[in-house]
Protein backbone atom coordinates (compact mmCIF):
# COMPACT_ATOMS: atom_id res chain seq x y z
CA MET A 1 103.99 79.84 87.10
CA SER A 2 104.46 76.93 84.90
CA ASP A 3 104.36 73.69 86.57
CA SER A 4 103.34 71.08 83.82
CA PRO A 5 101.52 71.13 80.13
CA GLU A 6 98.57 70.01 82.13
CA GLY A 7 98.32 73.44 84.50
CA VAL A 8 99.36 74.24 87.91
CA ARG A 9 98.39 72.68 91.27
CA LEU A 10 95.53 74.80 92.75
CA GLN A 11 97.03 75.23 96.05
CA LYS A 12 100.36 76.54 94.23
CA VAL A 13 98.26 79.00 92.21
CA LEU A 14 96.48 80.14 95.32
CA SER A 15 99.77 80.46 97.09
CA SER A 16 101.45 82.58 94.48
CA ALA A 17 98.57 84.71 94.59
CA GLY A 18 99.14 85.52 98.12
CA VAL A 19 95.85 83.95 99.60
CA ALA A 20 97.58 81.39 101.94
CA SER A 21 100.53 79.12 102.33
CA ARG A 22 100.38 76.17 100.35
CA ARG A 23 99.31 74.28 103.52
CA ALA A 24 96.61 76.92 104.32
CA ALA A 25 95.59 76.55 100.64
CA GLU A 26 94.98 72.84 101.10
CA ASP A 27 92.88 73.42 104.14
CA LEU A 28 90.72 75.90 102.06
CA ILE A 29 90.10 73.27 99.59
CA ASP A 30 89.19 70.67 102.25
CA GLN A 31 86.69 73.25 103.56
CA GLY A 32 84.98 73.57 100.19
CA ARG A 33 85.85 77.57 100.21
CA VAL A 34 87.57 77.24 96.77
CA SER A 35 85.72 77.11 93.52
CA VAL A 36 87.22 76.98 90.02
CA ASP A 37 84.98 78.24 87.10
CA GLY A 38 81.87 78.16 89.33
CA GLU A 39 82.68 74.68 90.66
CA ILE A 40 83.53 74.05 94.20
CA VAL A 41 86.85 72.08 94.51
CA ARG A 42 87.55 69.61 97.18
CA GLU A 43 90.35 67.16 95.90
CA GLN A 44 93.80 68.02 96.47
CA GLY A 45 96.23 68.31 93.51
CA ARG A 46 93.63 69.81 90.93
CA ARG A 47 95.40 71.49 88.20
CA VAL A 48 94.31 74.76 86.57
CA ASP A 49 95.38 77.14 83.84
CA PRO A 50 96.03 80.18 85.78
CA GLU A 51 95.96 82.36 82.53
CA ASN A 52 92.16 81.60 82.13
CA ALA A 53 90.60 79.89 85.38
CA VAL A 54 88.30 81.82 87.32
CA ILE A 55 89.11 81.26 91.09
CA HIS A 56 87.01 82.34 94.04
CA VAL A 57 87.83 81.78 97.79
CA ASP A 58 84.78 82.46 99.89
CA GLY A 59 82.99 83.95 97.12
CA VAL A 60 85.61 86.60 96.22
CA ARG A 61 87.64 86.52 93.02
CA VAL A 62 91.20 85.86 93.08
CA VAL A 63 93.25 87.41 90.52
CA VAL A 64 96.17 85.23 89.58
CA ARG A 65 97.65 86.61 86.52
CA ASP A 66 100.80 88.37 87.33
CA ASP A 67 100.70 90.70 84.41
CA ARG A 68 97.76 92.78 85.94
CA LEU A 69 98.31 95.81 87.70
CA TYR A 70 95.58 97.56 90.00
CA LEU A 71 96.70 100.94 91.33
CA ALA A 72 95.20 103.83 93.18
CA LEU A 73 96.30 107.48 92.59
CA ASN A 74 95.21 110.48 94.69
CA LYS A 75 94.82 112.86 91.85
CA PRO A 76 95.64 116.32 92.95
CA ARG A 77 93.68 119.36 91.93
CA GLY A 78 94.78 120.79 88.74
CA VAL A 79 95.68 117.50 87.17
CA HIS A 80 93.97 116.48 84.08
CA SER A 81 92.47 112.76 83.63
CA THR A 82 94.59 112.22 80.56
CA MET A 83 97.67 110.07 79.84
CA THR A 84 99.15 113.06 77.70
CA ASP A 85 98.19 116.63 77.12
CA ASP A 86 98.96 118.35 74.03
CA ARG A 87 98.95 121.66 75.75
CA GLY A 88 101.49 120.77 78.34
CA ARG A 89 99.08 120.90 81.37
CA PRO A 90 99.56 118.60 84.26
CA CYS A 91 97.92 115.05 83.63
CA VAL A 92 97.63 111.63 85.15
CA GLY A 93 100.42 110.24 82.55
CA ASP A 94 102.88 112.56 84.45
CA TYR A 95 102.71 110.10 87.59
CA LEU A 96 103.28 106.96 85.31
CA ARG A 97 106.41 107.98 83.31
CA ASP A 98 108.58 105.78 85.03
CA ARG A 99 106.44 102.99 84.56
CA VAL A 100 106.91 100.38 81.55
CA ASP A 101 103.55 99.02 81.80
CA ARG A 102 100.70 100.47 79.55
CA LEU A 103 98.29 101.76 82.16
CA PHE A 104 94.96 103.64 81.77
CA HIS A 105 92.59 105.42 84.03
CA VAL A 106 89.01 104.13 85.09
CA GLY A 107 86.82 106.96 84.46
CA ARG A 108 87.74 110.60 85.07
CA LEU A 109 87.98 113.39 87.77
CA ASP A 110 87.81 116.76 86.32
CA ALA A 111 90.78 119.10 86.62
CA ASP A 112 89.27 121.12 89.57
CA SER A 113 88.33 117.87 91.63
CA GLU A 114 90.80 115.73 93.39
CA GLY A 115 90.89 112.16 94.98
CA LEU A 116 90.64 108.55 94.13
CA LEU A 117 91.53 107.53 90.67
CA LEU A 118 91.87 103.57 89.63
CA LEU A 119 94.58 102.83 87.10
CA THR A 120 95.02 99.25 85.46
CA ASN A 121 95.78 97.37 82.58
CA ASP A 122 92.68 95.14 82.98
CA GLY A 123 90.37 96.41 80.27
CA ASP A 124 87.45 94.01 81.10
CA LEU A 125 87.41 95.27 84.76
CA ALA A 126 87.86 98.76 83.80
CA HIS A 127 85.03 98.61 81.24
CA ARG A 128 82.65 97.07 83.82
CA LEU A 129 83.49 99.62 86.56
CA MET A 130 82.98 102.65 84.35
CA HIS A 131 79.52 101.15 82.83
CA PRO A 132 76.45 102.51 84.93
CA SER A 133 74.69 99.25 84.51
CA PHE A 134 76.93 97.68 87.22
CA GLU A 135 76.23 100.29 89.66
CA VAL A 136 79.57 100.68 91.32
CA PHE A 137 79.20 103.31 93.92
CA LYS A 138 81.35 106.13 94.21
CA THR A 139 81.73 108.46 97.39
CA TYR A 140 82.55 112.21 97.44
CA LEU A 141 83.07 114.92 99.95
CA ALA A 142 82.00 118.07 98.62
CA GLU A 143 82.71 121.56 100.27
CA VAL A 144 79.69 123.92 99.49
CA PRO A 145 78.24 127.23 100.76
CA GLY A 146 76.09 126.62 103.82
CA PRO A 147 74.21 126.07 105.66
CA VAL A 148 72.44 123.00 104.10
CA GLY A 149 68.88 122.59 104.77
CA ARG A 150 67.44 119.22 105.77
CA ASP A 151 65.37 119.14 102.69
CA VAL A 152 68.34 119.14 100.20
CA GLY A 153 69.22 115.42 100.88
CA ARG A 154 65.65 114.33 100.41
CA THR A 155 65.48 116.34 97.21
CA LEU A 156 68.51 114.94 95.73
CA ARG A 157 67.59 111.30 96.87
CA GLU A 158 64.26 111.81 95.03
CA GLY A 159 66.03 113.22 91.90
CA VAL A 160 66.31 116.63 90.14
CA LEU A 161 65.88 117.16 86.57
CA LEU A 162 69.26 118.20 84.70
CA ASP A 163 69.67 119.40 81.20
CA ASP A 164 70.46 115.86 80.17
CA GLY A 165 67.73 113.99 82.06
CA PRO A 166 66.95 113.30 85.49
CA ALA A 167 69.38 112.45 88.23
CA ARG A 168 69.61 111.43 91.77
CA VAL A 169 72.23 110.43 94.45
CA ASP A 170 72.12 107.25 96.32
CA SER A 171 73.16 108.73 99.61
CA PHE A 172 73.46 112.18 100.79
CA LYS A 173 74.89 113.30 104.27
CA LEU A 174 75.73 116.50 105.90
CA VAL A 175 79.01 115.95 107.46
CA ASP A 176 79.66 119.61 108.98
CA ASN A 177 78.57 123.09 109.08
CA TYR A 178 81.10 125.89 109.47
CA ALA A 179 81.76 129.56 109.06
CA GLY A 180 78.99 129.66 106.02
CA LYS A 181 80.21 126.51 104.35
CA ALA A 182 79.16 122.91 104.76
CA LEU A 183 80.87 119.49 104.17
CA VAL A 184 78.66 116.85 102.75
CA GLU A 185 79.02 113.26 101.41
CA VAL A 186 77.47 112.32 98.21
CA VAL A 187 77.28 108.59 97.09
CA LEU A 188 76.08 107.61 93.50
CA HIS A 189 76.69 105.04 91.05
CA GLU A 190 76.36 107.10 87.55
CA GLY A 191 79.11 108.93 86.01
CA ARG A 192 77.78 111.45 83.83
CA LYS A 193 80.30 114.39 83.41
CA HIS A 194 80.53 116.80 86.37
CA ILE A 195 77.36 115.02 87.88
CA VAL A 196 78.19 115.65 91.37
CA ARG A 197 78.82 119.31 90.75
CA ARG A 198 75.60 119.78 88.51
CA LEU A 199 73.31 117.94 91.39
CA LEU A 200 74.50 120.16 94.23
CA GLU A 201 74.21 123.54 91.96
CA GLU A 202 70.73 122.53 91.07
CA VAL A 203 69.68 122.46 94.79
CA GLY A 204 71.52 125.67 95.32
CA HIS A 205 74.89 124.58 96.83
CA PRO A 206 77.55 124.91 94.07
CA VAL A 207 80.78 122.94 94.82
CA LEU A 208 83.82 124.82 96.21
CA LYS A 209 85.89 121.69 96.63
CA LEU A 210 85.41 118.25 95.63
CA VAL A 211 87.24 115.03 96.58
CA ARG A 212 86.42 111.46 95.48
CA THR A 213 87.11 109.37 98.63
CA GLN A 214 85.79 105.94 97.64
CA ILE A 215 85.05 103.45 94.72
CA GLY A 216 83.44 100.56 95.44
CA GLU A 217 85.17 98.80 98.40
CA VAL A 218 88.50 101.12 97.75
CA ARG A 219 89.20 103.97 100.04
CA LEU A 220 91.37 106.82 99.73
CA GLY A 221 92.16 106.89 103.15
CA ASN A 222 95.16 108.98 104.15
CA GLN A 223 96.80 108.48 100.88
CA ARG A 224 99.01 111.68 100.30
CA PRO A 225 98.00 113.78 97.11
CA GLY A 226 100.10 112.63 94.06
CA SER A 227 100.93 109.24 95.48
CA ILE A 228 100.23 105.91 93.84
CA ARG A 229 99.69 102.52 95.64
CA ALA A 230 99.01 99.09 94.61
CA LEU A 231 95.60 97.72 95.64
CA ASN A 232 95.72 94.80 97.80
CA ARG A 233 93.92 91.48 97.04
CA PRO A 234 90.70 91.94 99.16
CA GLU A 235 90.13 95.43 97.23
CA VAL A 236 90.71 93.78 93.75
CA GLY A 237 88.52 90.96 94.75
CA ALA A 238 85.70 93.41 95.84
CA LEU A 239 86.08 95.34 92.58
CA TYR A 240 85.49 92.06 90.62
CA SER A 241 82.65 91.01 93.03
CA ALA A 242 81.04 94.40 92.29
CA VAL A 243 80.91 93.95 88.61
CA GLY A 244 79.84 90.40 88.58
CA LEU A 245 83.52 88.70 87.49
């Protein structure tokens, strides 16, 4: 994206990042909706270093480095959250063998769980997303033995004592009761090993099936198992905002 030794014009950077056409980017700058390194920019022709500048539009971080990848995998059940497996078991790395970029997974899903797993080569973002202090919410759908009593949600929100300390959910919702089973939605921000399974088992509803459906503002949607898609610009920006970048 080289433009001159002094940097690249801001409107060109915004256009290359897919935010808007150059003309529309100029309008965004005129309206005071663009900031660079925390400073609102209103003058046209401002030059920036796209490798290092922190750019926001309407308060949402714009990722302008073209060497960064942000992907969503719908991890199937039975696949291990590792890039390689010395026992030859199916793993996340199996889905990335045709890619030359060095990617890693953000957090884990145990082999018996399925659903949304983020993949990136952005180490700073990945570290923050995994750190519980940033409280990035993760949403799960769990099938459990039913029926589920009305007091279960209150108990989980107030917190229960596990073998490695107290834990609680941020949100709990009964989605459906059917044929001796129930579907519940659990939202929480901590990432201790098997935390959803252990919480539900503690209140008498061991997990039969578990799917992670959302991380922050990134949703699994109708993405088919085993498929990978690139996150769009608003999704990446929302992840950055969630961890204060």
